[in-house]
């Protein structure tokens, strides 16, 4: 896959159950206040390290606030060699509304 796919929270949840990695590209403060349980915060400082240590064949879901910025990040990551990249439609806001029990704060993890 050289492109990424946009997926709703329900499909993202299915992929998570199958071992997909979830990355959150929002600012650190927003991530600390709430994020998809088990997701990893990704920013310009951690991006290179993440890519160099990642399994490029493992499904990757990119989350942001509302599903807009994640599309650009997903396209970039697909271009870096990830074979299966998804952008979470509706972002963390829709995820939190759909799966409130699958959200965490930094202090909870």
PDB file of N, CA and C in Angstrom:
ATOM      1  N   UNK A   1       0.851  -1.180   0.000  1.00  0.00           N
ATOM      2  CA  UNK A   1       0.000   0.000   0.000  1.00  0.00           C
ATOM      3  C   UNK A   1       0.893   1.239   0.000  1.00  0.00           C
ATOM      4  N   UNK A   2       0.803   2.015  -1.062  1.00  0.00           N
ATOM      5  CA  UNK A   2       1.558   3.259  -1.086  1.00  0.00           C
ATOM      6  C   UNK A   2       0.684   4.410  -0.619  1.00  0.00           C
ATOM      7  N   UNK A   3      -0.587   4.147  -0.500  1.00  0.00           N
ATOM      8  CA  UNK A   3      -1.538   5.127  -0.026  1.00  0.00           C
ATOM      9  C   UNK A   3      -1.993   4.720   1.373  1.00  0.00           C
ATOM     10  N   UNK A   4      -2.812   5.556   1.966  1.00  0.00           N
ATOM     11  CA  UNK A   4      -3.419   5.218   3.247  1.00  0.00           C
ATOM     12  C   UNK A   4      -4.922   5.133   3.038  1.00  0.00           C
ATOM     13  N   UNK A   5      -5.609   4.533   3.993  1.00  0.00           N
ATOM     14  CA  UNK A   5      -7.065   4.454   3.945  1.00  0.00           C
ATOM     15  C   UNK A   5      -7.645   5.195   5.144  1.00  0.00           C
ATOM     16  N   UNK A   6      -8.777   5.819   4.935  1.00  0.00           N
ATOM     17  CA  UNK A   6      -9.507   6.461   6.033  1.00  0.00           C
ATOM     18  C   UNK A   6     -10.477   5.433   6.588  1.00  0.00           C
ATOM     19  N   UNK A   7     -10.501   5.290   7.913  1.00  0.00           N
ATOM     20  CA  UNK A   7     -11.376   4.296   8.525  1.00  0.00           C
ATOM     21  C   UNK A   7     -12.130   4.883   9.718  1.00  0.00           C
ATOM     22  N   UNK A   8     -13.337   4.376   9.979  1.00  0.00           N
ATOM     23  CA  UNK A   8     -14.103   4.826  11.146  1.00  0.00           C
ATOM     24  C   UNK A   8     -13.592   4.155  12.415  1.00  0.00           C
ATOM     25  N   UNK A   9     -13.977   4.658  13.571  1.00  0.00           N
ATOM     26  CA  UNK A   9     -13.521   4.064  14.833  1.00  0.00           C
ATOM     27  C   UNK A   9     -13.798   2.562  14.954  1.00  0.00           C
ATOM     28  N   UNK A  10     -14.925   2.106  14.433  1.00  0.00           N
ATOM     29  CA  UNK A  10     -15.261   0.689  14.555  1.00  0.00           C
ATOM     30  C   UNK A  10     -14.229  -0.190  13.846  1.00  0.00           C
ATOM     31  N   UNK A  11     -13.808   0.206  12.659  1.00  0.00           N
ATOM     32  CA  UNK A  11     -12.794  -0.561  11.935  1.00  0.00           C
ATOM     33  C   UNK A  11     -11.442  -0.433  12.622  1.00  0.00           C
ATOM     34  N   UNK A  12     -11.145   0.745  13.156  1.00  0.00           N
ATOM     35  CA  UNK A  12      -9.893   0.934  13.893  1.00  0.00           C
ATOM     36  C   UNK A  12      -9.850   0.024  15.112  1.00  0.00           C
ATOM     37  N   UNK A  13     -10.974  -0.107  15.799  1.00  0.00           N
ATOM     38  CA  UNK A  13     -11.035  -0.976  16.974  1.00  0.00           C
ATOM     39  C   UNK A  13     -10.768  -2.427  16.573  1.00  0.00           C
ATOM     40  N   UNK A  14     -11.330  -2.872  15.468  1.00  0.00           N
ATOM     41  CA  UNK A  14     -11.087  -4.235  14.987  1.00  0.00           C
ATOM     42  C   UNK A  14      -9.603  -4.439  14.686  1.00  0.00           C
ATOM     43  N   UNK A  15      -8.989  -3.461  14.047  1.00  0.00           N
ATOM     44  CA  UNK A  15      -7.561  -3.557  13.733  1.00  0.00           C
ATOM     45  C   UNK A  15      -6.719  -3.561  15.010  1.00  0.00           C
ATOM     46  N   UNK A  16      -7.102  -2.759  15.997  1.00  0.00           N
ATOM     47  CA  UNK A  16      -6.387  -2.749  17.285  1.00  0.00           C
ATOM     48  C   UNK A  16      -6.433  -4.127  17.922  1.00  0.00           C
ATOM     49  N   UNK A  17      -7.592  -4.762  17.864  1.00  0.00           N
ATOM     50  CA  UNK A  17      -7.751  -6.097  18.449  1.00  0.00           C
ATOM     51  C   UNK A  17      -6.863  -7.123  17.743  1.00  0.00           C
ATOM     52  N   UNK A  18      -6.493  -6.826  16.496  1.00  0.00           N
ATOM     53  CA  UNK A  18      -5.631  -7.711  15.716  1.00  0.00           C
ATOM     54  C   UNK A  18      -4.161  -7.294  15.799  1.00  0.00           C
ATOM     55  N   UNK A  19      -3.855  -6.306  16.640  1.00  0.00           N
ATOM     56  CA  UNK A  19      -2.467  -5.932  16.864  1.00  0.00           C
ATOM     57  C   UNK A  19      -1.966  -4.696  16.154  1.00  0.00           C
ATOM     58  N   UNK A  20      -2.854  -3.920  15.567  1.00  0.00           N
ATOM     59  CA  UNK A  20      -2.411  -2.687  14.902  1.00  0.00           C
ATOM     60  C   UNK A  20      -1.811  -1.719  15.921  1.00  0.00           C
ATOM     61  N   UNK A  21      -0.846  -0.937  15.472  1.00  0.00           N
ATOM     62  CA  UNK A  21      -0.227   0.101  16.287  1.00  0.00           C
ATOM     63  C   UNK A  21      -1.006   1.393  16.068  1.00  0.00           C
ATOM     64  N   UNK A  22      -1.265   2.120  17.152  1.00  0.00           N
ATOM     65  CA  UNK A  22      -1.961   3.400  17.046  1.00  0.00           C
ATOM     66  C   UNK A  22      -1.001   4.506  17.469  1.00  0.00           C
ATOM     67  N   UNK A  23      -0.852   5.516  16.610  1.00  0.00           N
ATOM     68  CA  UNK A  23      -0.040   6.679  16.952  1.00  0.00           C
ATOM     69  C   UNK A  23      -0.938   7.910  16.972  1.00  0.00           C
ATOM     70  N   UNK A  24      -0.644   8.805  17.879  1.00  0.00           N
ATOM     71  CA  UNK A  24      -1.421  10.030  18.090  1.00  0.00           C
ATOM     72  C   UNK A  24      -0.494  11.204  17.808  1.00  0.00           C
ATOM     73  N   UNK A  25      -0.886  12.062  16.870  1.00  0.00           N
ATOM     74  CA  UNK A  25      -0.006  13.165  16.466  1.00  0.00           C
ATOM     75  C   UNK A  25      -0.432  14.513  17.051  1.00  0.00           C
ATOM     76  N   UNK A  26      -1.361  14.497  18.002  1.00  0.00           N
ATOM     77  CA  UNK A  26      -1.765  15.759  18.636  1.00  0.00           C
ATOM     78  C   UNK A  26      -0.629  16.279  19.520  1.00  0.00           C
ATOM     79  N   UNK A  27      -0.802  17.480  20.034  1.00  0.00           N
ATOM     80  CA  UNK A  27       0.236  18.064  20.885  1.00  0.00           C
ATOM     81  C   UNK A  27       0.355  17.254  22.184  1.00  0.00           C
ATOM     82  N   UNK A  28       1.517  17.319  22.851  1.00  0.00           N
ATOM     83  CA  UNK A  28       1.745  16.512  24.060  1.00  0.00           C
ATOM     84  C   UNK A  28       0.731  16.747  25.172  1.00  0.00           C
ATOM     85  N   UNK A  29       0.289  17.978  25.334  1.00  0.00           N
ATOM     86  CA  UNK A  29      -0.673  18.276  26.397  1.00  0.00           C
ATOM     87  C   UNK A  29      -2.013  17.590  26.132  1.00  0.00           C
ATOM     88  N   UNK A  30      -2.483  17.639  24.912  1.00  0.00           N
ATOM     89  CA  UNK A  30      -3.748  16.988  24.563  1.00  0.00           C
ATOM     90  C   UNK A  30      -3.632  15.479  24.731  1.00  0.00           C
ATOM     91  N   UNK A  31      -2.497  14.923  24.301  1.00  0.00           N
ATOM     92  CA  UNK A  31      -2.273  13.487  24.458  1.00  0.00           C
ATOM     93  C   UNK A  31      -2.307  13.103  25.939  1.00  0.00           C
ATOM     94  N   UNK A  32      -1.662  13.902  26.785  1.00  0.00           N
ATOM     95  CA  UNK A  32      -1.620  13.608  28.219  1.00  0.00           C
ATOM     96  C   UNK A  32      -3.009  13.658  28.848  1.00  0.00           C
ATOM     97  N   UNK A  33      -3.854  14.550  28.355  1.00  0.00           N
ATOM     98  CA  UNK A  33      -5.202  14.685  28.909  1.00  0.00           C
ATOM     99  C   UNK A  33      -6.140  13.568  28.471  1.00  0.00           C
ATOM    100  N   UNK A  34      -5.848  12.939  27.347  1.00  0.00           N
ATOM    101  CA  UNK A  34      -6.678  11.832  26.889  1.00  0.00           C
ATOM    102  C   UNK A  34      -6.228  11.322  25.536  1.00  0.00           C
ATOM    103  N   UNK A  35      -6.182  10.004  25.389  1.00  0.00           N
ATOM    104  CA  UNK A  35      -5.775   9.385  24.132  1.00  0.00           C
ATOM    105  C   UNK A  35      -6.337   7.972  24.057  1.00  0.00           C
ATOM    106  N   UNK A  36      -6.245   7.376  22.901  1.00  0.00           N
ATOM    107  CA  UNK A  36      -6.681   5.996  22.713  1.00  0.00           C
ATOM    108  C   UNK A  36      -5.774   5.112  23.557  1.00  0.00           C
ATOM    109  N   UNK A  37      -6.372   4.271  24.371  1.00  0.00           N
ATOM    110  CA  UNK A  37      -5.601   3.394  25.250  1.00  0.00           C
ATOM    111  C   UNK A  37      -4.574   2.604  24.426  1.00  0.00           C
ATOM    112  N   UNK A  38      -3.328   2.654  24.879  1.00  0.00           N
ATOM    113  CA  UNK A  38      -2.249   1.927  24.206  1.00  0.00           C
ATOM    114  C   UNK A  38      -1.604   2.654  23.049  1.00  0.00           C
ATOM    115  N   UNK A  39      -2.108   3.841  22.718  1.00  0.00           N
ATOM    116  CA  UNK A  39      -1.520   4.576  21.598  1.00  0.00           C
ATOM    117  C   UNK A  39      -0.196   5.206  22.016  1.00  0.00           C
ATOM    118  N   UNK A  40       0.592   5.543  21.011  1.00  0.00           N
ATOM    119  CA  UNK A  40       1.894   6.146  21.241  1.00  0.00           C
ATOM    120  C   UNK A  40       1.875   7.564  20.696  1.00  0.00           C
ATOM    121  N   UNK A  41       2.391   8.501  21.481  1.00  0.00           N
ATOM    122  CA  UNK A  41       2.459   9.881  21.012  1.00  0.00           C
ATOM    123  C   UNK A  41       3.602   9.990  20.009  1.00  0.00           C
ATOM    124  N   UNK A  42       3.327  10.630  18.891  1.00  0.00           N
ATOM    125  CA  UNK A  42       4.326  10.780  17.841  1.00  0.00           C
ATOM    126  C   UNK A  42       4.406  12.249  17.459  1.00  0.00           C
ATOM    127  N   UNK A  43       5.627  12.796  17.493  1.00  0.00           N
ATOM    128  CA  UNK A  43       5.838  14.180  17.071  1.00  0.00           C
ATOM    129  C   UNK A  43       7.145  14.252  16.286  1.00  0.00           C
ATOM    130  N   UNK A  44       7.541  15.452  15.917  1.00  0.00           N
ATOM    131  CA  UNK A  44       8.759  15.609  15.114  1.00  0.00           C
ATOM    132  C   UNK A  44      10.002  15.077  15.824  1.00  0.00           C
ATOM    133  N   UNK A  45       9.991  15.088  17.151  1.00  0.00           N
ATOM    134  CA  UNK A  45      11.150  14.630  17.907  1.00  0.00           C
ATOM    135  C   UNK A  45      11.236  13.109  17.971  1.00  0.00           C
ATOM    136  N   UNK A  46      10.104  12.424  17.976  1.00  0.00           N
ATOM    137  CA  UNK A  46      10.102  10.972  18.118  1.00  0.00           C
ATOM    138  C   UNK A  46       9.896  10.235  16.790  1.00  0.00           C
ATOM    139  N   UNK A  47       9.615  10.966  15.743  1.00  0.00           N
ATOM    140  CA  UNK A  47       9.269  10.355  14.453  1.00  0.00           C
ATOM    141  C   UNK A  47      10.373   9.466  13.900  1.00  0.00           C
ATOM    142  N   UNK A  48      11.601   9.965  13.826  1.00  0.00           N
ATOM    143  CA  UNK A  48      12.703   9.190  13.243  1.00  0.00           C
ATOM    144  C   UNK A  48      12.932   7.892  14.015  1.00  0.00           C
ATOM    145  N   UNK A  49      12.948   7.986  15.338  1.00  0.00           N
ATOM    146  CA  UNK A  49      13.156   6.806  16.171  1.00  0.00           C
ATOM    147  C   UNK A  49      12.017   5.804  15.981  1.00  0.00           C
ATOM    148  N   UNK A  50      10.794   6.304  15.902  1.00  0.00           N
ATOM    149  CA  UNK A  50       9.641   5.428  15.701  1.00  0.00           C
ATOM    150  C   UNK A  50       9.779   4.671  14.383  1.00  0.00           C
ATOM    151  N   UNK A  51      10.065   5.392  13.312  1.00  0.00           N
ATOM    152  CA  UNK A  51      10.173   4.757  11.987  1.00  0.00           C
ATOM    153  C   UNK A  51      11.309   3.746  11.961  1.00  0.00           C
ATOM    154  N   UNK A  52      12.449   4.089  12.537  1.00  0.00           N
ATOM    155  CA  UNK A  52      13.606   3.187  12.469  1.00  0.00           C
ATOM    156  C   UNK A  52      13.420   1.911  13.286  1.00  0.00           C
ATOM    157  N   UNK A  53      12.530   1.914  14.278  1.00  0.00           N
ATOM    158  CA  UNK A  53      12.319   0.727  15.106  1.00  0.00           C
ATOM    159  C   UNK A  53      10.984   0.020  14.838  1.00  0.00           C
ATOM    160  N   UNK A  54      10.190   0.540  13.934  1.00  0.00           N
ATOM    161  CA  UNK A  54       8.852  -0.005  13.697  1.00  0.00           C
ATOM    162  C   UNK A  54       8.887  -1.217  12.774  1.00  0.00           C
ATOM    163  N   UNK A  55       7.902  -2.071  12.946  1.00  0.00           N
ATOM    164  CA  UNK A  55       7.641  -3.163  12.010  1.00  0.00           C
ATOM    165  C   UNK A  55       6.802  -2.558  10.891  1.00  0.00           C
ATOM    166  N   UNK A  56       7.404  -2.378   9.728  1.00  0.00           N
ATOM    167  CA  UNK A  56       6.737  -1.681   8.626  1.00  0.00           C
ATOM    168  C   UNK A  56       5.555  -2.460   8.062  1.00  0.00           C
ATOM    169  N   UNK A  57       5.464  -3.749   8.393  1.00  0.00           N
ATOM    170  CA  UNK A  57       4.366  -4.566   7.897  1.00  0.00           C
ATOM    171  C   UNK A  57       3.193  -4.649   8.866  1.00  0.00           C
ATOM    172  N   UNK A  58       3.368  -4.091  10.061  1.00  0.00           N
ATOM    173  CA  UNK A  58       2.287  -4.104  11.045  1.00  0.00           C
ATOM    174  C   UNK A  58       1.330  -2.953  10.732  1.00  0.00           C
ATOM    175  N   UNK A  59       0.025  -3.206  10.762  1.00  0.00           N
ATOM    176  CA  UNK A  59      -0.934  -2.125  10.491  1.00  0.00           C
ATOM    177  C   UNK A  59      -0.714  -0.945  11.437  1.00  0.00           C
ATOM    178  N   UNK A  60      -0.847   0.260  10.888  1.00  0.00           N
ATOM    179  CA  UNK A  60      -0.601   1.490  11.632  1.00  0.00           C
ATOM    180  C   UNK A  60      -1.797   2.415  11.480  1.00  0.00           C
ATOM    181  N   UNK A  61      -2.349   2.863  12.615  1.00  0.00           N
ATOM    182  CA  UNK A  61      -3.483   3.782  12.623  1.00  0.00           C
ATOM    183  C   UNK A  61      -2.995   5.129  13.155  1.00  0.00           C
ATOM    184  N   UNK A  62      -3.269   6.194  12.414  1.00  0.00           N
ATOM    185  CA  UNK A  62      -2.850   7.533  12.808  1.00  0.00           C
ATOM    186  C   UNK A  62      -4.074   8.312  13.280  1.00  0.00           C
ATOM    187  N   UNK A  63      -3.952   8.903  14.468  1.00  0.00           N
ATOM    188  CA  UNK A  63      -5.044   9.669  15.070  1.00  0.00           C
ATOM    189  C   UNK A  63      -4.599  11.105  15.334  1.00  0.00           C
ATOM    190  N   UNK A  64      -5.548  12.030  15.156  1.00  0.00           N
ATOM    191  CA  UNK A  64      -5.305  13.440  15.502  1.00  0.00           C
ATOM    192  C   UNK A  64      -6.550  13.944  16.231  1.00  0.00           C
ATOM    193  N   UNK A  65      -6.862  15.213  16.142  1.00  0.00           N
ATOM    194  CA  UNK A  65      -8.039  15.766  16.823  1.00  0.00           C
ATOM    195  C   UNK A  65      -9.347  15.324  16.173  1.00  0.00           C
ATOM    196  N   UNK A  66      -9.496  15.613  14.864  1.00  0.00           N
ATOM    197  CA  UNK A  66     -10.763  15.383  14.183  1.00  0.00           C
ATOM    198  C   UNK A  66     -10.627  14.573  12.897  1.00  0.00           C
ATOM    199  N   UNK A  67      -9.430  14.083  12.593  1.00  0.00           N
ATOM    200  CA  UNK A  67      -9.252  13.253  11.405  1.00  0.00           C
ATOM    201  C   UNK A  67      -8.737  13.975  10.186  1.00  0.00           C
ATOM    202  N   UNK A  68      -8.288  15.216  10.350  1.00  0.00           N
ATOM    203  CA  UNK A  68      -7.764  15.963   9.204  1.00  0.00           C
ATOM    204  C   UNK A  68      -6.247  15.877   9.111  1.00  0.00           C
ATOM    205  N   UNK A  69      -5.553  16.278  10.164  1.00  0.00           N
ATOM    206  CA  UNK A  69      -4.084  16.245  10.167  1.00  0.00           C
ATOM    207  C   UNK A  69      -3.556  14.830  10.029  1.00  0.00           C
ATOM    208  N   UNK A  70      -4.304  13.866  10.526  1.00  0.00           N
ATOM    209  CA  UNK A  70      -3.840  12.477  10.458  1.00  0.00           C
ATOM    210  C   UNK A  70      -3.729  11.991   9.019  1.00  0.00           C
ATOM    211  N   UNK A  71      -4.479  12.589   8.116  1.00  0.00           N
ATOM    212  CA  UNK A  71      -4.386  12.177   6.715  1.00  0.00           C
ATOM    213  C   UNK A  71      -3.021  12.513   6.125  1.00  0.00           C
ATOM    214  N   UNK A  72      -2.518  13.699   6.416  1.00  0.00           N
ATOM    215  CA  UNK A  72      -1.191  14.080   5.923  1.00  0.00           C
ATOM    216  C   UNK A  72      -0.115  13.203   6.551  1.00  0.00           C
ATOM    217  N   UNK A  73      -0.246  12.963   7.857  1.00  0.00           N
ATOM    218  CA  UNK A  73       0.733  12.125   8.553  1.00  0.00           C
ATOM    219  C   UNK A  73       0.685  10.688   8.029  1.00  0.00           C
ATOM    220  N   UNK A  74      -0.520  10.182   7.769  1.00  0.00           N
ATOM    221  CA  UNK A  74      -0.658   8.824   7.242  1.00  0.00           C
ATOM    222  C   UNK A  74      -0.019   8.713   5.860  1.00  0.00           C
ATOM    223  N   UNK A  75      -0.232   9.712   5.029  1.00  0.00           N
ATOM    224  CA  UNK A  75       0.381   9.704   3.696  1.00  0.00           C
ATOM    225  C   UNK A  75       1.900   9.713   3.815  1.00  0.00           C
ATOM    226  N   UNK A  76       2.427  10.515   4.726  1.00  0.00           N
ATOM    227  CA  UNK A  76       3.873  10.575   4.939  1.00  0.00           C
ATOM    228  C   UNK A  76       4.405   9.215   5.389  1.00  0.00           C
ATOM    229  N   UNK A  77       3.734   8.595   6.361  1.00  0.00           N
ATOM    230  CA  UNK A  77       4.201   7.311   6.884  1.00  0.00           C
ATOM    231  C   UNK A  77       4.101   6.206   5.830  1.00  0.00           C
ATOM    232  N   UNK A  78       3.074   6.255   5.002  1.00  0.00           N
ATOM    233  CA  UNK A  78       2.979   5.293   3.900  1.00  0.00           C
ATOM    234  C   UNK A  78       4.171   5.462   2.964  1.00  0.00           C
ATOM    235  N   UNK A  79       4.555   6.705   2.735  1.00  0.00           N
ATOM    236  CA  UNK A  79       5.709   6.991   1.891  1.00  0.00           C
ATOM    237  C   UNK A  79       7.037   6.581   2.509  1.00  0.00           C
ATOM    238  N   UNK A  80       7.058   6.376   3.822  1.00  0.00           N
ATOM    239  CA  UNK A  80       8.273   5.952   4.525  1.00  0.00           C
ATOM    240  C   UNK A  80       8.405   4.429   4.568  1.00  0.00           C
ATOM    241  N   UNK A  81       7.468   3.728   3.940  1.00  0.00           N
ATOM    242  CA  UNK A  81       7.608   2.279   3.826  1.00  0.00           C
ATOM    243  C   UNK A  81       6.621   1.443   4.630  1.00  0.00           C
ATOM    244  N   UNK A  82       5.755   2.085   5.404  1.00  0.00           N
ATOM    245  CA  UNK A  82       4.732   1.311   6.110  1.00  0.00           C
ATOM    246  C   UNK A  82       3.768   0.748   5.071  1.00  0.00           C
ATOM    247  N   UNK A  83       3.477  -0.534   5.174  1.00  0.00           N
ATOM    248  CA  UNK A  83       2.692  -1.179   4.127  1.00  0.00           C
ATOM    249  C   UNK A  83       1.185  -1.048   4.318  1.00  0.00           C
ATOM    250  N   UNK A  84       0.735  -0.788   5.538  1.00  0.00           N
ATOM    251  CA  UNK A  84      -0.703  -0.722   5.815  1.00  0.00           C
ATOM    252  C   UNK A  84      -0.957   0.427   6.787  1.00  0.00           C
ATOM    253  N   UNK A  85      -1.361   1.582   6.248  1.00  0.00           N
ATOM    254  CA  UNK A  85      -1.534   2.790   7.051  1.00  0.00           C
ATOM    255  C   UNK A  85      -2.975   3.280   6.944  1.00  0.00           C
ATOM    256  N   UNK A  86      -3.510   3.680   8.096  1.00  0.00           N
ATOM    257  CA  UNK A  86      -4.891   4.157   8.174  1.00  0.00           C
ATOM    258  C   UNK A  86      -4.948   5.496   8.904  1.00  0.00           C
ATOM    259  N   UNK A  87      -5.873   6.342   8.474  1.00  0.00           N
ATOM    260  CA  UNK A  87      -6.162   7.596   9.164  1.00  0.00           C
ATOM    261  C   UNK A  87      -7.519   7.423   9.840  1.00  0.00           C
ATOM    262  N   UNK A  88      -7.578   7.742  11.115  1.00  0.00           N
ATOM    263  CA  UNK A  88      -8.807   7.578  11.882  1.00  0.00           C
ATOM    264  C   UNK A  88      -9.780   8.719  11.581  1.00  0.00           C
ATOM    265  N   UNK A  89     -10.865   8.408  10.871  1.00  0.00           N
ATOM    266  CA  UNK A  89     -11.890   9.412  10.588  1.00  0.00           C
ATOM    267  C   UNK A  89     -12.502   9.901  11.895  1.00  0.00           C
ATOM    268  N   UNK A  90     -12.664  11.193  12.012  1.00  0.00           N
ATOM    269  CA  UNK A  90     -13.234  11.776  13.216  1.00  0.00           C
ATOM    270  C   UNK A  90     -12.232  11.967  14.330  1.00  0.00           C
ATOM    271  N   UNK A  91     -11.040  11.413  14.167  1.00  0.00           N
ATOM    272  CA  UNK A  91      -9.957  11.581  15.128  1.00  0.00           C
ATOM    273  C   UNK A  91     -10.299  11.127  16.537  1.00  0.00           C
ATOM    274  N   UNK A  92      -9.522  11.635  17.484  1.00  0.00           N
ATOM    275  CA  UNK A  92      -9.710  11.242  18.873  1.00  0.00           C
ATOM    276  C   UNK A  92     -11.079  11.661  19.396  1.00  0.00           C
ATOM    277  N   UNK A  93     -11.604  12.781  18.921  1.00  0.00           N
ATOM    278  CA  UNK A  93     -12.899  13.260  19.411  1.00  0.00           C
ATOM    279  C   UNK A  93     -14.001  12.248  19.120  1.00  0.00           C
ATOM    280  N   UNK A  94     -14.051  11.715  17.907  1.00  0.00           N
ATOM    281  CA  UNK A  94     -15.066  10.714  17.572  1.00  0.00           C
ATOM    282  C   UNK A  94     -14.761   9.396  18.280  1.00  0.00           C
ATOM    283  N   UNK A  95     -13.474   9.050  18.395  1.00  0.00           N
ATOM    284  CA  UNK A  95     -13.101   7.831  19.122  1.00  0.00           C
ATOM    285  C   UNK A  95     -13.616   7.896  20.566  1.00  0.00           C
ATOM    286  N   UNK A  96     -13.359   9.017  21.226  1.00  0.00           N
ATOM    287  CA  UNK A  96     -13.761   9.173  22.627  1.00  0.00           C
ATOM    288  C   UNK A  96     -15.278   9.072  22.773  1.00  0.00           C
ATOM    289  N   UNK A  97     -16.021   9.616  21.813  1.00  0.00           N
ATOM    290  CA  UNK A  97     -17.482   9.536  21.854  1.00  0.00           C
ATOM    291  C   UNK A  97     -17.966   8.105  21.593  1.00  0.00           C
ATOM    292  N   UNK A  98     -17.233   7.361  20.775  1.00  0.00           N
ATOM    293  CA  UNK A  98     -17.631   6.003  20.404  1.00  0.00           C
ATOM    294  C   UNK A  98     -17.169   4.971  21.422  1.00  0.00           C
ATOM    295  N   UNK A  99     -15.942   5.112  21.903  1.00  0.00           N
ATOM    296  CA  UNK A  99     -15.334   4.143  22.831  1.00  0.00           C
ATOM    297  C   UNK A  99     -14.768   4.852  24.070  1.00  0.00           C
ATOM    298  N   UNK A 100     -15.620   5.452  24.893  1.00  0.00           N
ATOM    299  CA  UNK A 100     -15.086   6.173  26.061  1.00  0.00           C
ATOM    300  C   UNK A 100     -14.289   5.263  27.009  1.00  0.00           C
ATOM    301  N   UNK A 101     -14.615   3.988  27.042  1.00  0.00           N
ATOM    302  CA  UNK A 101     -13.886   3.061  27.914  1.00  0.00           C
ATOM    303  C   UNK A 101     -12.508   2.691  27.348  1.00  0.00           C
ATOM    304  N   UNK A 102     -12.249   3.045  26.101  1.00  0.00           N
ATOM    305  CA  UNK A 102     -10.972   2.758  25.462  1.00  0.00           C
ATOM    306  C   UNK A 102     -10.122   4.022  25.329  1.00  0.00           C
ATOM    307  N   UNK A 103     -10.270   4.918  26.298  1.00  0.00           N
ATOM    308  CA  UNK A 103      -9.438   6.119  26.335  1.00  0.00           C
ATOM    309  C   UNK A 103      -8.706   6.169  27.666  1.00  0.00           C
ATOM    310  N   UNK A 104      -7.529   6.750  27.662  1.00  0.00           N
ATOM    311  CA  UNK A 104      -6.700   6.832  28.858  1.00  0.00           C
ATOM    312  C   UNK A 104      -6.110   8.218  28.976  1.00  0.00           C
ATOM    313  N   UNK A 105      -5.712   8.555  30.199  1.00  0.00           N
ATOM    314  CA  UNK A 105      -4.929   9.758  30.454  1.00  0.00           C
ATOM    315  C   UNK A 105      -3.504   9.296  30.735  1.00  0.00           C
ATOM    316  N   UNK A 106      -2.533  10.156  30.536  1.00  0.00           N
ATOM    317  CA  UNK A 106      -1.137   9.784  30.737  1.00  0.00           C
ATOM    318  C   UNK A 106      -0.919   9.271  32.158  1.00  0.00           C
ATOM    319  N   UNK A 107      -1.598   9.840  33.126  1.00  0.00           N
ATOM    320  CA  UNK A 107      -1.430   9.427  34.523  1.00  0.00           C
ATOM    321  C   UNK A 107      -2.006   8.038  34.794  1.00  0.00           C
ATOM    322  N   UNK A 108      -2.925   7.586  33.909  1.00  0.00           N
ATOM    323  CA  UNK A 108      -3.566   6.278  34.110  1.00  0.00           C
ATOM    324  C   UNK A 108      -2.707   5.119  33.620  1.00  0.00           C
ATOM    325  N   UNK A 109      -1.791   5.393  32.706  1.00  0.00           N
ATOM    326  CA  UNK A 109      -1.020   4.307  32.100  1.00  0.00           C
ATOM    327  C   UNK A 109       0.290   4.068  32.803  1.00  0.00           C
TER     328      UNK A 109
END
